């Protein structure tokens, strides 16, 4: 969750599953990975909010973080 003072700006729901000995954090989908459940952002997705969202999601207690549909260098 990303806050600006007391206002919630973004939230990124994830599911953490086990694949062997690894904990894998993935975006929420219906299971066939045809759609993408990215961060839910209030208003416009400004650069700082996106950067903070990615930073926050990288703190999830998982061994692997899967973020589909991210362009190289974006």
PDB file of N, CA and C in Angstrom:
ATOM      1  N   UNK A   1       0.839  -1.176   0.000  1.00  0.00           N
ATOM      2  CA  UNK A   1       0.000   0.000   0.000  1.00  0.00           C
ATOM      3  C   UNK A   1       0.886   1.243   0.000  1.00  0.00           C
ATOM      4  N   UNK A   2       0.485   2.216  -0.789  1.00  0.00           N
ATOM      5  CA  UNK A   2       1.210   3.473  -0.889  1.00  0.00           C
ATOM      6  C   UNK A   2       0.299   4.595  -0.382  1.00  0.00           C
ATOM      7  N   UNK A   3       0.815   5.358   0.567  1.00  0.00           N
ATOM      8  CA  UNK A   3       0.055   6.452   1.157  1.00  0.00           C
ATOM      9  C   UNK A   3       0.740   7.786   0.902  1.00  0.00           C
ATOM     10  N   UNK A   4      -0.062   8.835   0.794  1.00  0.00           N
ATOM     11  CA  UNK A   4       0.405  10.212   0.786  1.00  0.00           C
ATOM     12  C   UNK A   4      -0.236  10.852   2.013  1.00  0.00           C
ATOM     13  N   UNK A   5       0.537  11.016   3.062  1.00  0.00           N
ATOM     14  CA  UNK A   5       0.007  11.422   4.371  1.00  0.00           C
ATOM     15  C   UNK A   5      -1.010  10.367   4.816  1.00  0.00           C
ATOM     16  N   UNK A   6      -2.300  10.688   4.841  1.00  0.00           N
ATOM     17  CA  UNK A   6      -3.317   9.729   5.279  1.00  0.00           C
ATOM     18  C   UNK A   6      -4.142   9.175   4.122  1.00  0.00           C
ATOM     19  N   UNK A   7      -3.812   9.523   2.891  1.00  0.00           N
ATOM     20  CA  UNK A   7      -4.597   9.120   1.729  1.00  0.00           C
ATOM     21  C   UNK A   7      -3.968   7.909   1.053  1.00  0.00           C
ATOM     22  N   UNK A   8      -4.762   6.874   0.844  1.00  0.00           N
ATOM     23  CA  UNK A   8      -4.294   5.692   0.126  1.00  0.00           C
ATOM     24  C   UNK A   8      -4.217   6.022  -1.362  1.00  0.00           C
ATOM     25  N   UNK A   9      -3.017   5.915  -1.943  1.00  0.00           N
ATOM     26  CA  UNK A   9      -2.823   6.231  -3.360  1.00  0.00           C
ATOM     27  C   UNK A   9      -2.813   4.987  -4.240  1.00  0.00           C
ATOM     28  N   UNK A  10      -2.296   3.878  -3.700  1.00  0.00           N
ATOM     29  CA  UNK A  10      -2.186   2.668  -4.515  1.00  0.00           C
ATOM     30  C   UNK A  10      -2.142   1.438  -3.626  1.00  0.00           C
ATOM     31  N   UNK A  11      -2.637   0.357  -4.177  1.00  0.00           N
ATOM     32  CA  UNK A  11      -2.566  -0.944  -3.516  1.00  0.00           C
ATOM     33  C   UNK A  11      -2.346  -1.986  -4.613  1.00  0.00           C
ATOM     34  N   UNK A  12      -1.539  -2.983  -4.332  1.00  0.00           N
ATOM     35  CA  UNK A  12      -1.226  -4.005  -5.336  1.00  0.00           C
ATOM     36  C   UNK A  12      -1.487  -5.377  -4.726  1.00  0.00           C
ATOM     37  N   UNK A  13      -2.653  -5.952  -4.987  1.00  0.00           N
ATOM     38  CA  UNK A  13      -2.959  -7.268  -4.422  1.00  0.00           C
ATOM     39  C   UNK A  13      -2.148  -8.368  -5.104  1.00  0.00           C
ATOM     40  N   UNK A  14      -1.546  -9.225  -4.303  1.00  0.00           N
ATOM     41  CA  UNK A  14      -0.730 -10.340  -4.791  1.00  0.00           C
ATOM     42  C   UNK A  14      -1.164 -11.629  -4.118  1.00  0.00           C
ATOM     43  N   UNK A  15      -0.835 -12.716  -4.752  1.00  0.00           N
ATOM     44  CA  UNK A  15      -1.016 -14.044  -4.157  1.00  0.00           C
ATOM     45  C   UNK A  15       0.366 -14.665  -4.027  1.00  0.00           C
ATOM     46  N   UNK A  16       0.629 -15.282  -2.879  1.00  0.00           N
ATOM     47  CA  UNK A  16       1.900 -15.966  -2.680  1.00  0.00           C
ATOM     48  C   UNK A  16       1.619 -17.458  -2.624  1.00  0.00           C
ATOM     49  N   UNK A  17       2.231 -18.183  -3.559  1.00  0.00           N
ATOM     50  CA  UNK A  17       2.052 -19.629  -3.658  1.00  0.00           C
ATOM     51  C   UNK A  17       3.410 -20.308  -3.586  1.00  0.00           C
ATOM     52  N   UNK A  18       3.381 -21.565  -3.276  1.00  0.00           N
ATOM     53  CA  UNK A  18       4.610 -22.358  -3.249  1.00  0.00           C
ATOM     54  C   UNK A  18       4.788 -23.081  -4.574  1.00  0.00           C
ATOM     55  N   UNK A  19       6.008 -23.047  -5.093  1.00  0.00           N
ATOM     56  CA  UNK A  19       6.413 -23.854  -6.241  1.00  0.00           C
ATOM     57  C   UNK A  19       7.679 -24.571  -5.804  1.00  0.00           C
ATOM     58  N   UNK A  20       7.513 -25.789  -5.353  1.00  0.00           N
ATOM     59  CA  UNK A  20       8.639 -26.505  -4.766  1.00  0.00           C
ATOM     60  C   UNK A  20       9.022 -25.851  -3.461  1.00  0.00           C
ATOM     61  N   UNK A  21      10.286 -25.486  -3.328  1.00  0.00           N
ATOM     62  CA  UNK A  21      10.734 -24.843  -2.097  1.00  0.00           C
ATOM     63  C   UNK A  21      10.635 -23.321  -2.157  1.00  0.00           C
ATOM     64  N   UNK A  22      10.236 -22.770  -3.301  1.00  0.00           N
ATOM     65  CA  UNK A  22      10.178 -21.318  -3.482  1.00  0.00           C
ATOM     66  C   UNK A  22       8.794 -20.762  -3.152  1.00  0.00           C
ATOM     67  N   UNK A  23       8.766 -19.559  -2.598  1.00  0.00           N
ATOM     68  CA  UNK A  23       7.533 -18.784  -2.432  1.00  0.00           C
ATOM     69  C   UNK A  23       7.477 -17.810  -3.593  1.00  0.00           C
ATOM     70  N   UNK A  24       6.416 -17.920  -4.407  1.00  0.00           N
ATOM     71  CA  UNK A  24       6.304 -17.108  -5.610  1.00  0.00           C
ATOM     72  C   UNK A  24       5.115 -16.150  -5.452  1.00  0.00           C
ATOM     73  N   UNK A  25       5.411 -14.856  -5.540  1.00  0.00           N
ATOM     74  CA  UNK A  25       4.364 -13.833  -5.487  1.00  0.00           C
ATOM     75  C   UNK A  25       3.930 -13.527  -6.919  1.00  0.00           C
ATOM     76  N   UNK A  26       2.640 -13.621  -7.166  1.00  0.00           N
ATOM     77  CA  UNK A  26       2.099 -13.351  -8.493  1.00  0.00           C
ATOM     78  C   UNK A  26       0.909 -12.397  -8.380  1.00  0.00           C
ATOM     79  N   UNK A  27       0.620 -11.738  -9.474  1.00  0.00           N
ATOM     80  CA  UNK A  27      -0.554 -10.869  -9.511  1.00  0.00           C
ATOM     81  C   UNK A  27      -1.801 -11.747  -9.493  1.00  0.00           C
ATOM     82  N   UNK A  28      -2.899 -11.180  -9.064  1.00  0.00           N
ATOM     83  CA  UNK A  28      -4.139 -11.945  -9.005  1.00  0.00           C
ATOM     84  C   UNK A  28      -4.720 -12.118 -10.406  1.00  0.00           C
ATOM     85  N   UNK A  29      -5.039 -13.334 -10.762  1.00  0.00           N
ATOM     86  CA  UNK A  29      -5.676 -13.653 -12.037  1.00  0.00           C
ATOM     87  C   UNK A  29      -6.737 -14.711 -11.777  1.00  0.00           C
ATOM     88  N   UNK A  30      -7.448 -15.106 -12.819  1.00  0.00           N
ATOM     89  CA  UNK A  30      -8.419 -16.186 -12.657  1.00  0.00           C
ATOM     90  C   UNK A  30      -7.745 -17.544 -12.799  1.00  0.00           C
ATOM     91  N   UNK A  31      -6.438 -17.560 -12.992  1.00  0.00           N
ATOM     92  CA  UNK A  31      -5.698 -18.815 -13.019  1.00  0.00           C
ATOM     93  C   UNK A  31      -5.088 -19.189 -14.343  1.00  0.00           C
ATOM     94  N   UNK A  32      -5.525 -18.568 -15.442  1.00  0.00           N
ATOM     95  CA  UNK A  32      -4.972 -18.941 -16.742  1.00  0.00           C
ATOM     96  C   UNK A  32      -4.004 -17.891 -17.289  1.00  0.00           C
ATOM     97  N   UNK A  33      -3.705 -16.856 -16.494  1.00  0.00           N
ATOM     98  CA  UNK A  33      -2.737 -15.814 -16.831  1.00  0.00           C
ATOM     99  C   UNK A  33      -3.051 -15.093 -18.139  1.00  0.00           C
ATOM    100  N   UNK A  34      -4.326 -14.993 -18.505  1.00  0.00           N
ATOM    101  CA  UNK A  34      -4.706 -14.249 -19.705  1.00  0.00           C
ATOM    102  C   UNK A  34      -5.001 -12.790 -19.399  1.00  0.00           C
ATOM    103  N   UNK A  35      -5.174 -12.472 -18.138  1.00  0.00           N
ATOM    104  CA  UNK A  35      -5.412 -11.086 -17.765  1.00  0.00           C
ATOM    105  C   UNK A  35      -4.384 -10.701 -16.715  1.00  0.00           C
ATOM    106  N   UNK A  36      -4.271  -9.432 -16.460  1.00  0.00           N
ATOM    107  CA  UNK A  36      -3.234  -8.925 -15.581  1.00  0.00           C
ATOM    108  C   UNK A  36      -3.867  -8.107 -14.470  1.00  0.00           C
ATOM    109  N   UNK A  37      -3.588  -8.462 -13.242  1.00  0.00           N
ATOM    110  CA  UNK A  37      -4.097  -7.721 -12.097  1.00  0.00           C
ATOM    111  C   UNK A  37      -3.006  -6.848 -11.521  1.00  0.00           C
ATOM    112  N   UNK A  38      -2.819  -5.695 -12.084  1.00  0.00           N
ATOM    113  CA  UNK A  38      -1.748  -4.810 -11.649  1.00  0.00           C
ATOM    114  C   UNK A  38      -2.149  -3.979 -10.454  1.00  0.00           C
ATOM    115  N   UNK A  39      -1.356  -2.975 -10.149  1.00  0.00           N
ATOM    116  CA  UNK A  39      -1.670  -2.123  -9.003  1.00  0.00           C
ATOM    117  C   UNK A  39      -2.936  -1.306  -9.248  1.00  0.00           C
ATOM    118  N   UNK A  40      -3.679  -1.101  -8.185  1.00  0.00           N
ATOM    119  CA  UNK A  40      -4.870  -0.257  -8.239  1.00  0.00           C
ATOM    120  C   UNK A  40      -4.441   1.124  -7.755  1.00  0.00           C
ATOM    121  N   UNK A  41      -4.522   2.094  -8.643  1.00  0.00           N
ATOM    122  CA  UNK A  41      -3.987   3.424  -8.354  1.00  0.00           C
ATOM    123  C   UNK A  41      -5.119   4.447  -8.371  1.00  0.00           C
ATOM    124  N   UNK A  42      -5.135   5.299  -7.332  1.00  0.00           N
ATOM    125  CA  UNK A  42      -6.132   6.362  -7.261  1.00  0.00           C
ATOM    126  C   UNK A  42      -5.722   7.477  -8.208  1.00  0.00           C
ATOM    127  N   UNK A  43      -6.614   7.829  -9.112  1.00  0.00           N
ATOM    128  CA  UNK A  43      -6.309   8.905 -10.057  1.00  0.00           C
ATOM    129  C   UNK A  43      -5.337   8.454 -11.129  1.00  0.00           C
ATOM    130  N   UNK A  44      -4.480   9.372 -11.523  1.00  0.00           N
ATOM    131  CA  UNK A  44      -3.509   9.126 -12.591  1.00  0.00           C
ATOM    132  C   UNK A  44      -2.276   8.419 -12.051  1.00  0.00           C
ATOM    133  N   UNK A  45      -1.732   7.497 -12.826  1.00  0.00           N
ATOM    134  CA  UNK A  45      -0.533   6.746 -12.426  1.00  0.00           C
ATOM    135  C   UNK A  45       0.701   7.582 -12.707  1.00  0.00           C
ATOM    136  N   UNK A  46       1.072   8.418 -11.749  1.00  0.00           N
ATOM    137  CA  UNK A  46       2.255   9.257 -11.924  1.00  0.00           C
ATOM    138  C   UNK A  46       3.519   8.427 -11.706  1.00  0.00           C
ATOM    139  N   UNK A  47       4.621   8.916 -12.214  1.00  0.00           N
ATOM    140  CA  UNK A  47       5.893   8.214 -12.083  1.00  0.00           C
ATOM    141  C   UNK A  47       6.258   7.873 -10.644  1.00  0.00           C
ATOM    142  N   UNK A  48       6.186   8.846  -9.729  1.00  0.00           N
ATOM    143  CA  UNK A  48       6.549   8.547  -8.342  1.00  0.00           C
ATOM    144  C   UNK A  48       5.666   7.473  -7.697  1.00  0.00           C
ATOM    145  N   UNK A  49       4.370   7.469  -8.016  1.00  0.00           N
ATOM    146  CA  UNK A  49       3.477   6.455  -7.440  1.00  0.00           C
ATOM    147  C   UNK A  49       3.809   5.076  -7.998  1.00  0.00           C
ATOM    148  N   UNK A  50       4.115   4.989  -9.282  1.00  0.00           N
ATOM    149  CA  UNK A  50       4.489   3.713  -9.880  1.00  0.00           C
ATOM    150  C   UNK A  50       5.801   3.208  -9.291  1.00  0.00           C
ATOM    151  N   UNK A  51       6.775   4.096  -9.141  1.00  0.00           N
ATOM    152  CA  UNK A  51       8.067   3.710  -8.550  1.00  0.00           C
ATOM    153  C   UNK A  51       7.865   3.219  -7.123  1.00  0.00           C
ATOM    154  N   UNK A  52       7.083   3.920  -6.335  1.00  0.00           N
ATOM    155  CA  UNK A  52       6.814   3.500  -4.957  1.00  0.00           C
ATOM    156  C   UNK A  52       6.058   2.175  -4.910  1.00  0.00           C
ATOM    157  N   UNK A  53       5.139   1.955  -5.860  1.00  0.00           N
ATOM    158  CA  UNK A  53       4.404   0.689  -5.917  1.00  0.00           C
ATOM    159  C   UNK A  53       5.336  -0.478  -6.184  1.00  0.00           C
ATOM    160  N   UNK A  54       6.236  -0.321  -7.142  1.00  0.00           N
ATOM    161  CA  UNK A  54       7.193  -1.387  -7.452  1.00  0.00           C
ATOM    162  C   UNK A  54       8.134  -1.614  -6.270  1.00  0.00           C
ATOM    163  N   UNK A  55       8.576  -0.545  -5.636  1.00  0.00           N
ATOM    164  CA  UNK A  55       9.450  -0.683  -4.465  1.00  0.00           C
ATOM    165  C   UNK A  55       8.748  -1.425  -3.341  1.00  0.00           C
ATOM    166  N   UNK A  56       7.484  -1.102  -3.119  1.00  0.00           N
ATOM    167  CA  UNK A  56       6.725  -1.766  -2.051  1.00  0.00           C
ATOM    168  C   UNK A  56       6.497  -3.237  -2.361  1.00  0.00           C
ATOM    169  N   UNK A  57       6.169  -3.546  -3.607  1.00  0.00           N
ATOM    170  CA  UNK A  57       5.880  -4.933  -3.958  1.00  0.00           C
ATOM    171  C   UNK A  57       7.152  -5.784  -3.911  1.00  0.00           C
ATOM    172  N   UNK A  58       8.314  -5.152  -4.057  1.00  0.00           N
ATOM    173  CA  UNK A  58       9.568  -5.898  -3.959  1.00  0.00           C
ATOM    174  C   UNK A  58       9.923  -6.250  -2.511  1.00  0.00           C
ATOM    175  N   UNK A  59       9.184  -5.711  -1.551  1.00  0.00           N
ATOM    176  CA  UNK A  59       9.394  -6.021  -0.140  1.00  0.00           C
ATOM    177  C   UNK A  59       8.531  -7.181   0.334  1.00  0.00           C
ATOM    178  N   UNK A  60       7.722  -7.745  -0.549  1.00  0.00           N
ATOM    179  CA  UNK A  60       6.853  -8.876  -0.194  1.00  0.00           C
ATOM    180  C   UNK A  60       7.728 -10.067   0.192  1.00  0.00           C
ATOM    181  N   UNK A  61       7.349 -10.797   1.239  1.00  0.00           N
ATOM    182  CA  UNK A  61       8.170 -11.924   1.686  1.00  0.00           C
ATOM    183  C   UNK A  61       8.041 -13.138   0.760  1.00  0.00           C
ATOM    184  N   UNK A  62       8.652 -13.037  -0.408  1.00  0.00           N
ATOM    185  CA  UNK A  62       8.630 -14.127  -1.383  1.00  0.00           C
ATOM    186  C   UNK A  62      10.019 -14.259  -1.993  1.00  0.00           C
ATOM    187  N   UNK A  63      10.310 -15.439  -2.526  1.00  0.00           N
ATOM    188  CA  UNK A  63      11.602 -15.680  -3.165  1.00  0.00           C
ATOM    189  C   UNK A  63      11.615 -15.192  -4.609  1.00  0.00           C
ATOM    190  N   UNK A  64      10.442 -15.226  -5.257  1.00  0.00           N
ATOM    191  CA  UNK A  64      10.312 -14.835  -6.661  1.00  0.00           C
ATOM    192  C   UNK A  64       9.116 -13.908  -6.783  1.00  0.00           C
ATOM    193  N   UNK A  65       9.263 -12.854  -7.578  1.00  0.00           N
ATOM    194  CA  UNK A  65       8.164 -11.938  -7.869  1.00  0.00           C
ATOM    195  C   UNK A  65       7.911 -11.967  -9.364  1.00  0.00           C
ATOM    196  N   UNK A  66       6.714 -12.405  -9.767  1.00  0.00           N
ATOM    197  CA  UNK A  66       6.352 -12.448 -11.182  1.00  0.00           C
ATOM    198  C   UNK A  66       5.466 -11.248 -11.507  1.00  0.00           C
ATOM    199  N   UNK A  67       5.951 -10.378 -12.401  1.00  0.00           N
ATOM    200  CA  UNK A  67       5.171  -9.246 -12.888  1.00  0.00           C
ATOM    201  C   UNK A  67       5.086  -9.362 -14.390  1.00  0.00           C
ATOM    202  N   UNK A  68       3.965  -9.845 -14.924  1.00  0.00           N
ATOM    203  CA  UNK A  68       3.864 -10.032 -16.374  1.00  0.00           C
ATOM    204  C   UNK A  68       3.628  -8.710 -17.110  1.00  0.00           C
ATOM    205  N   UNK A  69       3.923  -8.738 -18.406  1.00  0.00           N
ATOM    206  CA  UNK A  69       3.635  -7.628 -19.303  1.00  0.00           C
ATOM    207  C   UNK A  69       4.375  -6.346 -18.964  1.00  0.00           C
ATOM    208  N   UNK A  70       5.617  -6.460 -18.502  1.00  0.00           N
ATOM    209  CA  UNK A  70       6.436  -5.285 -18.228  1.00  0.00           C
ATOM    210  C   UNK A  70       7.433  -5.152 -19.375  1.00  0.00           C
ATOM    211  N   UNK A  71       7.439  -3.986 -20.000  1.00  0.00           N
ATOM    212  CA  UNK A  71       8.346  -3.758 -21.121  1.00  0.00           C
ATOM    213  C   UNK A  71       9.773  -3.577 -20.628  1.00  0.00           C
ATOM    214  N   UNK A  72      10.720  -4.112 -21.352  1.00  0.00           N
ATOM    215  CA  UNK A  72      12.135  -3.968 -21.025  1.00  0.00           C
ATOM    216  C   UNK A  72      12.507  -2.499 -21.014  1.00  0.00           C
ATOM    217  N   UNK A  73      13.128  -2.051 -19.932  1.00  0.00           N
ATOM    218  CA  UNK A  73      13.547  -0.664 -19.819  1.00  0.00           C
ATOM    219  C   UNK A  73      12.471   0.292 -19.366  1.00  0.00           C
ATOM    220  N   UNK A  74      11.306  -0.232 -19.035  1.00  0.00           N
ATOM    221  CA  UNK A  74      10.229   0.678 -18.610  1.00  0.00           C
ATOM    222  C   UNK A  74      10.348   1.041 -17.139  1.00  0.00           C
TER     223      UNK A  74
END
